[in-house]
Protein backbone atom coordinates (compact mmCIF):
# COMPACT_ATOMS: atom_id res chain seq x y z
CA UNK A 1 14.60 -88.42 -43.94
CA UNK A 2 13.72 -88.55 -40.57
CA UNK A 3 12.54 -86.67 -38.09
CA UNK A 4 15.59 -85.15 -36.76
CA UNK A 5 16.44 -83.70 -40.42
CA UNK A 6 13.08 -82.40 -41.11
CA UNK A 7 13.42 -80.38 -37.63
CA UNK A 8 16.89 -79.20 -38.38
CA UNK A 9 15.76 -77.71 -41.67
CA UNK A 10 12.57 -76.40 -40.21
CA UNK A 11 14.40 -74.46 -37.32
CA UNK A 12 17.08 -73.08 -40.05
CA UNK A 13 13.76 -71.92 -42.10
CA UNK A 14 12.10 -70.15 -39.36
CA UNK A 15 14.63 -67.98 -37.80
CA UNK A 16 15.20 -66.62 -41.40
CA UNK A 17 13.61 -63.11 -41.79
CA UNK A 18 11.58 -62.43 -44.92
CA UNK A 19 8.78 -60.20 -45.10
CA UNK A 20 6.75 -60.02 -47.76
CA UNK A 21 8.59 -58.41 -50.89
CA UNK A 22 11.62 -58.25 -48.77
CA UNK A 23 12.52 -62.15 -48.72
CA UNK A 24 16.02 -62.00 -50.18
CA UNK A 25 17.75 -64.01 -46.99
CA UNK A 26 14.91 -66.87 -47.69
CA UNK A 27 15.54 -66.66 -51.14
CA UNK A 28 19.30 -66.87 -51.35
CA UNK A 29 19.55 -69.61 -48.62
CA UNK A 30 17.11 -72.12 -50.36
CA UNK A 31 18.88 -71.53 -53.79
CA UNK A 32 22.13 -71.82 -52.06
CA UNK A 33 21.12 -75.40 -50.51
CA UNK A 34 19.56 -76.65 -53.70
CA UNK A 35 22.68 -76.34 -55.73
CA UNK A 36 25.08 -77.24 -52.62
CA UNK A 37 23.17 -80.51 -52.74
CA UNK A 38 22.68 -80.54 -56.36
CA UNK A 39 18.92 -81.04 -56.04
CA UNK A 40 17.69 -79.79 -59.21
CA UNK A 41 18.29 -79.95 -62.82
CA UNK A 42 17.84 -75.99 -63.02
CA UNK A 43 17.14 -73.51 -60.40
CA UNK A 44 16.99 -69.79 -60.34
CA UNK A 45 15.55 -66.74 -58.95
CA UNK A 46 13.39 -64.94 -60.98
CA UNK A 47 12.81 -61.38 -61.81
CA UNK A 48 10.14 -60.83 -58.50
CA UNK A 49 12.30 -63.12 -56.26
CA UNK A 50 10.59 -66.78 -56.43
CA UNK A 51 13.13 -69.31 -56.11
CA UNK A 52 12.22 -71.61 -59.45
CA UNK A 53 13.55 -74.88 -60.29
CA UNK A 54 13.03 -77.80 -62.07
CA UNK A 55 13.49 -81.58 -61.70
CA UNK A 56 13.28 -83.46 -65.17
CA UNK A 57 11.59 -86.50 -65.39
CA UNK A 58 12.41 -89.96 -67.03
CA UNK A 59 9.60 -89.59 -69.45
CA UNK A 60 8.62 -86.08 -69.26
CA UNK A 61 4.72 -86.71 -69.60
CA UNK A 62 3.09 -84.33 -67.01
CA UNK A 63 4.72 -81.44 -65.36
CA UNK A 64 3.72 -81.10 -61.85
CA UNK A 65 4.46 -78.04 -59.88
CA UNK A 66 4.75 -77.90 -56.15
CA UNK A 67 4.82 -74.27 -54.30
CA UNK A 68 5.34 -73.03 -51.15
CA UNK A 69 5.62 -69.49 -50.27
CA UNK A 70 8.81 -68.05 -48.79
CA UNK A 71 7.41 -64.87 -47.63
CA UNK A 72 6.35 -63.87 -43.83
CA UNK A 73 4.09 -61.50 -42.10
CA UNK A 74 5.75 -58.74 -40.41
CA UNK A 75 6.02 -54.69 -40.51
CA UNK A 76 7.60 -51.78 -42.45
CA UNK A 77 8.72 -48.85 -39.95
CA UNK A 78 6.81 -45.95 -41.42
CA UNK A 79 8.21 -43.14 -38.88
CA UNK A 80 11.06 -42.36 -36.61
CA UNK A 81 9.90 -40.40 -33.98
CA UNK A 82 12.24 -37.85 -32.79
CA UNK A 83 12.92 -39.51 -29.41
CA UNK A 84 13.96 -42.71 -31.16
CA UNK A 85 10.46 -44.68 -31.20
CA UNK A 86 9.34 -46.43 -34.35
CA UNK A 87 5.98 -46.02 -35.60
CA UNK A 88 4.89 -49.13 -38.00
CA UNK A 89 2.71 -50.28 -40.73
CA UNK A 90 1.74 -54.23 -40.76
CA UNK A 91 2.47 -56.38 -43.74
CA UNK A 92 -0.03 -58.94 -43.78
CA UNK A 93 -2.73 -60.47 -41.72
CA UNK A 94 -1.88 -59.76 -38.10
CA UNK A 95 -4.16 -60.38 -35.11
CA UNK A 96 -3.95 -56.67 -33.72
CA UNK A 97 -4.27 -58.50 -29.95
CA UNK A 98 -1.21 -59.86 -30.09
CA UNK A 99 1.25 -57.14 -30.63
CA UNK A 100 1.49 -55.34 -27.23
CA UNK A 101 4.26 -56.32 -25.10
CA UNK A 102 5.67 -58.85 -28.02
CA UNK A 103 9.55 -58.81 -28.61
CA UNK A 104 10.59 -57.84 -32.30
CA UNK A 105 13.46 -58.03 -34.45
CA UNK A 106 14.48 -55.42 -37.29
CA UNK A 107 16.75 -55.70 -40.03
CA UNK A 108 18.74 -52.64 -40.75
CA UNK A 109 19.83 -51.90 -44.19
CA UNK A 110 23.52 -53.04 -43.25
CA UNK A 111 21.56 -56.40 -42.78
CA UNK A 112 22.39 -55.95 -38.67
CA UNK A 113 19.63 -57.56 -36.41
CA UNK A 114 18.49 -55.08 -33.70
CA UNK A 115 16.09 -56.55 -31.03
CA UNK A 116 12.85 -54.30 -30.07
CA UNK A 117 9.35 -54.26 -28.09
CA UNK A 118 6.22 -53.25 -29.20
CA UNK A 119 4.66 -50.39 -26.58
CA UNK A 120 2.25 -48.15 -26.30
CA UNK A 121 0.40 -45.77 -23.53
CA UNK A 122 1.11 -47.40 -20.13
CA UNK A 123 -1.73 -48.95 -18.41
CA UNK A 124 -1.14 -46.85 -15.51
CA UNK A 125 -1.60 -43.72 -17.40
CA UNK A 126 -4.76 -44.92 -18.82
CA UNK A 127 -8.45 -44.60 -18.19
CA UNK A 128 -10.59 -47.31 -17.35
CA UNK A 129 -12.31 -47.19 -20.37
CA UNK A 130 -9.35 -46.60 -22.20
CA UNK A 131 -7.90 -49.93 -21.31
CA UNK A 132 -11.07 -51.96 -22.19
CA UNK A 133 -10.36 -50.95 -25.98
CA UNK A 134 -8.40 -52.70 -28.19
CA UNK A 135 -5.37 -50.73 -28.80
CA UNK A 136 -4.54 -49.58 -32.39
CA UNK A 137 -1.71 -50.15 -34.34
CA UNK A 138 -1.38 -46.38 -35.16
CA UNK A 139 -1.09 -45.93 -31.19
CA UNK A 140 1.57 -48.52 -31.14
CA UNK A 141 5.60 -48.05 -31.39
CA UNK A 142 8.60 -49.77 -31.35
CA UNK A 143 11.48 -49.28 -28.68
CA UNK A 144 14.69 -50.49 -29.69
CA UNK A 145 16.50 -49.03 -26.90
CA UNK A 146 17.62 -45.62 -28.77
CA UNK A 147 16.84 -42.00 -27.55
CA UNK A 148 17.01 -40.06 -30.96
CA UNK A 149 15.99 -39.89 -34.47
CA UNK A 150 19.71 -39.50 -35.49
CA UNK A 151 21.12 -42.31 -33.25
CA UNK A 152 18.35 -44.68 -34.85
CA UNK A 153 19.04 -43.61 -38.66
CA UNK A 154 22.83 -44.05 -37.85
CA UNK A 155 22.18 -47.64 -37.47
CA UNK A 156 20.65 -47.75 -40.82
CA UNK A 157 17.25 -48.00 -39.69
CA UNK A 158 14.60 -45.74 -41.31
CA UNK A 159 11.19 -45.58 -43.06
CA UNK A 160 10.88 -48.86 -44.98
CA UNK A 161 13.19 -51.05 -42.85
CA UNK A 162 11.39 -54.51 -42.39
CA UNK A 163 10.87 -56.59 -38.96
CA UNK A 164 8.49 -59.01 -37.57
CA UNK A 165 7.81 -60.41 -34.16
CA UNK A 166 10.58 -62.83 -32.76
CA UNK A 167 10.70 -66.16 -30.15
CA UNK A 168 13.15 -68.76 -30.47
CA UNK A 169 12.87 -72.11 -31.94
CA UNK A 170 11.86 -74.47 -29.01
CA UNK A 171 11.14 -77.95 -28.53
CA UNK A 172 8.13 -79.09 -27.14
CA UNK A 173 6.44 -82.80 -26.05
CA UNK A 174 5.66 -85.40 -28.19
CA UNK A 175 7.75 -84.23 -31.23
CA UNK A 176 5.73 -80.83 -31.18
CA UNK A 177 8.04 -77.65 -31.96
CA UNK A 178 7.45 -73.65 -31.85
CA UNK A 179 8.43 -71.06 -33.75
CA UNK A 180 7.95 -68.04 -36.07
CA UNK A 181 6.99 -68.01 -39.77
CA UNK A 182 6.06 -71.61 -39.84
CA UNK A 183 3.30 -70.05 -42.74
CA UNK A 184 4.84 -71.19 -44.86
CA UNK A 185 8.58 -72.07 -44.60
CA UNK A 186 7.04 -75.33 -43.67
CA UNK A 187 5.70 -75.90 -47.11
CA UNK A 188 9.66 -74.66 -47.71
CA UNK A 189 10.74 -77.75 -45.88
CA UNK A 190 8.22 -80.09 -47.48
CA UNK A 191 9.43 -79.23 -50.99
CA UNK A 192 13.18 -79.41 -49.64
CA UNK A 193 12.42 -82.68 -48.57
CA UNK A 194 10.84 -83.87 -51.73
CA UNK A 195 13.66 -82.75 -53.92
CA UNK A 196 16.20 -85.01 -51.75
CA UNK A 197 14.02 -87.92 -52.16
CA UNK A 198 13.86 -87.38 -55.88
CA UNK A 199 17.76 -87.03 -56.12
CA UNK A 200 17.80 -90.57 -55.22
CA UNK A 201 14.72 -91.95 -56.75
CA UNK A 202 13.59 -90.28 -59.90
CA UNK A 203 10.13 -90.39 -61.06
CA UNK A 204 8.47 -90.04 -64.72
CA UNK A 205 6.95 -86.93 -64.59
CA UNK A 206 8.68 -83.72 -64.60
CA UNK A 207 8.62 -81.78 -61.10
CA UNK A 208 8.63 -77.87 -60.80
CA UNK A 209 9.39 -76.19 -57.68
CA UNK A 210 8.23 -72.49 -56.95
CA UNK A 211 9.22 -71.26 -53.56
CA UNK A 212 7.36 -68.32 -54.01
CA UNK A 213 7.32 -64.55 -52.34
CA UNK A 214 4.68 -62.32 -51.62
CA UNK A 215 1.97 -64.75 -50.85
CA UNK A 216 0.75 -63.06 -47.79
CA UNK A 217 -0.03 -59.83 -49.73
CA UNK A 218 -2.03 -61.37 -52.59
CA UNK A 219 -0.24 -64.68 -54.10
CA UNK A 220 1.81 -62.67 -56.31
CA UNK A 221 4.88 -64.83 -56.86
CA UNK A 222 2.54 -67.91 -57.46
CA UNK A 223 1.27 -65.65 -60.33
CA UNK A 224 4.41 -65.36 -62.44
CA UNK A 225 6.20 -68.70 -61.07
CA UNK A 226 3.10 -70.44 -62.41
CA UNK A 227 3.34 -68.63 -65.82
CA UNK A 228 7.05 -69.20 -66.39
CA UNK A 229 6.82 -73.11 -65.29
CA UNK A 230 3.92 -73.46 -67.26
CA UNK A 231 2.61 -76.97 -65.11
CA UNK A 232 0.21 -79.41 -66.14
CA UNK A 233 -0.93 -80.09 -62.59
CA UNK A 234 -0.09 -78.14 -59.15
CA UNK A 235 -0.37 -78.61 -55.54
CA UNK A 236 0.21 -75.53 -53.19
CA UNK A 237 1.83 -76.79 -49.79
CA UNK A 238 1.14 -74.85 -47.10
CA UNK A 239 0.25 -74.34 -42.97
CA UNK A 240 -3.42 -74.51 -41.63
CA UNK A 241 -5.04 -73.38 -39.17
CA UNK A 242 -5.52 -76.24 -36.30
CA UNK A 243 -8.22 -75.00 -34.22
CA UNK A 244 -8.34 -78.04 -32.23
CA UNK A 245 -7.98 -75.65 -28.92
CA UNK A 246 -10.58 -75.11 -25.99
CA UNK A 247 -13.64 -73.40 -27.14
CA UNK A 248 -13.95 -74.30 -30.94
CA UNK A 249 -16.70 -76.87 -31.69
CA UNK A 250 -16.07 -79.79 -33.48
CA UNK A 251 -17.66 -78.45 -36.82
CA UNK A 252 -15.68 -75.15 -36.73
CA UNK A 253 -12.15 -77.03 -36.40
CA UNK A 254 -10.67 -76.62 -40.16
CA UNK A 255 -7.78 -79.14 -39.24
CA UNK A 256 -6.12 -81.22 -36.37
CA UNK A 257 -2.78 -81.54 -35.11
CA UNK A 258 -1.41 -84.91 -35.36
CA UNK A 259 -3.85 -86.23 -37.56
CA UNK A 260 -1.51 -86.08 -40.90
CA UNK A 261 -1.64 -83.43 -43.96
CA UNK A 262 -4.86 -81.69 -44.77
CA UNK A 263 -6.39 -82.07 -47.97
CA UNK A 264 -8.55 -78.89 -48.98
CA UNK A 265 -12.01 -79.53 -50.87
CA UNK A 266 -12.41 -75.63 -51.16
CA UNK A 267 -11.40 -72.64 -49.32
CA UNK A 268 -11.80 -68.82 -50.38
CA UNK A 269 -9.66 -68.70 -53.11
CA UNK A 270 -10.36 -72.29 -54.94
CA UNK A 271 -12.44 -75.26 -55.51
CA UNK A 272 -9.50 -77.99 -55.56
CA UNK A 273 -9.95 -80.59 -58.71
CA UNK A 274 -11.50 -83.48 -57.50
CA UNK A 275 -9.16 -85.49 -60.18
CA UNK A 276 -6.36 -84.03 -58.42
CA UNK A 277 -7.71 -84.97 -54.82
CA UNK A 278 -8.84 -88.29 -55.83
CA UNK A 279 -4.85 -88.89 -56.69
CA UNK A 280 -4.04 -87.84 -53.49
CA UNK A 281 -6.58 -89.91 -51.48
CA UNK A 282 -6.03 -92.95 -53.29
CA UNK A 283 -1.92 -92.72 -53.56
CA UNK A 284 -2.31 -92.13 -49.74
CA UNK A 285 -4.50 -95.01 -49.26
CA UNK A 286 -1.99 -97.02 -51.15
CA UNK A 287 0.96 -95.53 -48.93
CA UNK A 288 -0.77 -96.06 -45.40
CA UNK A 289 0.24 -92.19 -45.24
CA UNK A 290 -2.13 -90.46 -42.68
CA UNK A 291 -4.34 -87.62 -43.95
CA UNK A 292 -7.47 -85.63 -43.10
CA UNK A 293 -10.00 -83.31 -45.28
CA UNK A 294 -9.64 -79.78 -44.12
CA UNK A 295 -13.20 -78.47 -43.40
CA UNK A 296 -14.31 -75.77 -45.74
CA UNK A 297 -13.91 -72.52 -46.42
CA UNK A 298 -11.29 -71.38 -44.40
CA UNK A 299 -8.19 -69.19 -45.79
CA UNK A 300 -6.66 -68.90 -49.32
CA UNK A 301 -3.61 -70.05 -50.80
CA UNK A 302 -1.20 -69.76 -53.68
CA UNK A 303 -3.31 -72.37 -55.52
CA UNK A 304 -6.21 -69.80 -55.87
CA UNK A 305 -3.79 -68.14 -58.99
CA UNK A 306 -2.10 -70.82 -59.89
CA UNK A 307 -5.46 -72.99 -61.10
CA UNK A 308 -6.42 -70.00 -63.25
CA UNK A 309 -2.89 -69.59 -65.08
CA UNK A 310 -2.86 -69.67 -68.74
CA UNK A 311 -5.55 -72.23 -69.88
CA UNK A 312 -5.99 -73.65 -66.27
CA UNK A 313 -3.94 -75.97 -64.13
CA UNK A 314 -5.75 -78.81 -61.99
CA UNK A 315 -4.63 -77.87 -58.82
CA UNK A 316 -5.11 -78.56 -54.96
CA UNK A 317 -3.75 -77.58 -51.90
CA UNK A 318 -1.94 -80.29 -48.99
CA UNK A 319 -1.43 -78.42 -45.80
CA UNK A 320 0.69 -79.35 -42.20
CA UNK A 321 -2.13 -78.27 -39.61
CA UNK A 322 -0.27 -75.46 -37.24
CA UNK A 323 -1.58 -73.80 -33.78
CA UNK A 324 -1.21 -70.25 -33.75
CA UNK A 325 -0.74 -69.65 -37.01
CA UNK A 326 0.25 -65.89 -37.86
CA UNK A 327 2.18 -65.55 -34.60
CA UNK A 328 5.53 -65.83 -33.70
CA UNK A 329 4.85 -68.90 -31.45
CA UNK A 330 3.36 -71.15 -34.32
CA UNK A 331 3.07 -74.91 -32.58
CA UNK A 332 2.99 -77.97 -35.10
CA UNK A 333 3.86 -81.61 -34.71
CA UNK A 334 6.83 -83.10 -36.54
CA UNK A 335 5.31 -86.10 -37.88
CA UNK A 336 2.82 -84.08 -39.54
CA UNK A 337 5.38 -82.76 -41.50
CA UNK A 338 6.67 -86.14 -42.46
CA UNK A 339 3.61 -87.61 -43.26
CA UNK A 340 2.85 -84.51 -45.65
CA UNK A 341 6.40 -85.23 -47.45
CA UNK A 342 5.32 -88.79 -47.90
CA UNK A 343 1.66 -87.94 -49.05
CA UNK A 344 3.37 -85.83 -51.73
CA UNK A 345 5.97 -88.59 -52.82
CA UNK A 346 3.08 -90.86 -53.03
CA UNK A 347 1.37 -88.61 -54.92
CA UNK A 348 3.95 -88.04 -57.59
CA UNK A 349 4.63 -91.31 -57.85
CA UNK A 350 1.33 -92.00 -58.49
CA UNK A 351 1.10 -95.88 -57.69
CA UNK A 352 -2.67 -95.80 -58.16
CA UNK A 353 -2.12 -95.00 -61.84
CA UNK A 354 -5.05 -91.71 -61.56
CA UNK A 355 -4.24 -90.05 -64.65
CA UNK A 356 -5.42 -86.02 -64.40
């Protein structure tokens, strides 16, 4: 494992399209990779679409679940105008302010990809009062360069077709990279890197993996995945907001780029297990892995559902800080992904010998 291999996988995962409820391309990619590299003793796709995997431990004491979600925010086509323009409904938490003028990619029912642009009433034809208002999604449309409803539908694009905002994956200075769907293909990257390490260096405990669906619309895959896998301990691996940008006060910043993985104390979905966090921190310090504590109470993750599965699962969240999250131009530092892998690896090996 090195920065280059992490970047290569990050780009592949980022460029896949997998809107909540329509994650097939991502789940197939991950399952094929696991099977081709022989990374698990058992791996399968469940009825909801989660990719579940089990790596048996040498002693099978604890069952440690590592969860990352594979879905991304996007949209569903809700109507095709007779002139060929597409109306759409958001899936997940978009910031409406960023939508106008954005390039989009749409996947037809045949799997072919079509490019488009989000538009609205041209500014030259609006009043001063209208230009001061935030344009509602109901007043936006997608232009894919076609001129009739019939032409659009012949391409396999109709009500229910999915898509998302799209920008190419790019390198930035200082091992920073930009791309879409980093939330949470970054976590998927971490899980796959852990599986690769386990193949060479097994651990005592059984390690469970859930590449979960539908997190962005209610953490639904986490519910069924945790129920099936029956973990005794769990960690959700996420992207989190790095608001270390101008205009934000220090006490308002959840996490910082370049300071390593962020360990959650509490968020809007969970009060994290203090014992799990103690094990994370003590093992990070033994392994000399940089980390930071995420400032509460921002966000929510799959851990919010996992920790109340069955009779309860001591859980926490470890996140890779990311700027401009929930946009097609998310920005993160590859070193933070590397250190997150190192932290999770140290946790499951547990040199600090902390029992939970």
